[in-house]
Amino acid sequence: MNRGELKSELKSLRIRDDAYSLDGSRDEAYCLDQSRTGWSVYYSERGLEAYKKKFETESEACEYLKTLLVSDRSTHY
């Protein structure tokens, strides 16, 4: 799964657009970020990257982010 596919899935699962960012940090949201060393998923809160987890592939990071968003009921419409 890539970011484009994830975005489509999240829309069909009725996940709020403001609950996540697929291209870096957004305050008070789950974030997916790419760096030179891989991918990371974290919750951005007041400029801090809380609960950050790193992944080697975009697919692994996308699957993890999807799991987080689906399990957090506050992210749903």
Protein backbone atom coordinates (compact mmCIF):
# COMPACT_ATOMS: atom_id res chain seq x y z
CA MET A 1 0.00 0.00 0.00
CA ASN A 2 1.23 3.51 -0.79
CA ARG A 3 0.03 6.94 0.38
CA GLY A 4 -2.41 7.32 -2.49
CA GLU A 5 -4.02 3.97 -1.80
CA LEU A 6 -4.11 4.71 1.92
CA LYS A 7 -5.85 8.04 1.35
CA SER A 8 -8.57 6.30 -0.70
CA GLU A 9 -9.06 3.62 1.95
CA LEU A 10 -9.26 6.15 4.77
CA LYS A 11 -11.91 8.08 2.85
CA SER A 12 -13.99 4.92 2.39
CA LEU A 13 -13.56 4.11 6.10
CA ARG A 14 -14.88 7.61 6.95
CA ILE A 15 -11.70 8.80 8.67
CA ARG A 16 -11.65 12.58 9.05
CA ASP A 17 -9.13 14.37 6.77
CA ASP A 18 -7.93 16.56 9.64
CA ALA A 19 -7.05 13.49 11.77
CA TYR A 20 -3.93 12.69 9.73
CA SER A 21 -1.21 13.95 7.43
CA LEU A 22 0.42 11.79 4.77
CA ASP A 23 3.24 14.21 3.99
CA GLY A 24 4.74 15.31 7.27
CA SER A 25 3.77 17.02 10.44
CA ARG A 26 0.39 18.59 11.20
CA ASP A 27 -0.44 19.58 14.76
CA GLU A 28 -2.88 17.38 16.69
CA ALA A 29 -2.87 14.64 14.04
CA TYR A 30 -1.37 11.27 13.17
CA CYS A 31 1.46 11.77 10.70
CA LEU A 32 3.31 9.75 8.08
CA ASP A 33 6.73 11.10 7.19
CA GLN A 34 9.51 10.02 4.84
CA SER A 35 13.18 10.63 5.61
CA ARG A 36 16.49 9.52 4.12
CA THR A 37 16.47 6.45 6.39
CA GLY A 38 12.89 5.26 5.85
CA TRP A 39 9.39 6.08 7.03
CA SER A 40 7.94 7.06 10.38
CA VAL A 41 4.50 7.31 11.92
CA TYR A 42 3.79 9.44 14.97
CA TYR A 43 1.22 11.63 16.66
CA SER A 44 2.09 15.32 16.38
CA GLU A 45 1.13 17.31 19.44
CA ARG A 46 2.34 20.88 20.05
CA GLY A 47 5.24 20.33 17.68
CA LEU A 48 6.35 17.10 19.37
CA GLU A 49 6.44 13.69 17.67
CA ALA A 50 4.81 11.38 20.22
CA TYR A 51 4.74 7.58 19.95
CA LYS A 52 7.05 7.64 16.92
CA LYS A 53 7.63 4.33 15.19
CA LYS A 54 10.01 3.80 12.25
CA PHE A 55 9.57 1.56 9.22
CA GLU A 56 11.73 0.50 6.30
CA THR A 57 8.97 0.62 3.68
CA GLU A 58 6.12 2.93 2.78
CA SER A 59 3.74 -0.04 2.78
CA GLU A 60 4.57 -1.01 6.39
CA ALA A 61 4.16 2.57 7.56
CA CYS A 62 0.85 2.98 5.72
CA GLU A 63 -0.57 -0.23 7.18
CA TYR A 64 0.45 0.82 10.69
CA LEU A 65 -1.05 4.29 10.28
CA LYS A 66 -4.29 2.79 8.97
CA THR A 67 -4.49 0.53 12.03
CA LEU A 68 -3.99 3.50 14.37
CA LEU A 69 -6.62 5.62 12.65
CA VAL A 70 -9.23 2.86 12.47
CA SER A 71 -8.78 1.94 16.14
CA ASP A 72 -9.06 5.55 17.36
CA ARG A 73 -12.79 6.31 17.33
CA SER A 74 -12.12 10.07 17.58
CA THR A 75 -10.79 10.04 14.00
CA HIS A 76 -14.09 8.86 12.49
CA TYR A 77 -16.89 11.04 11.07
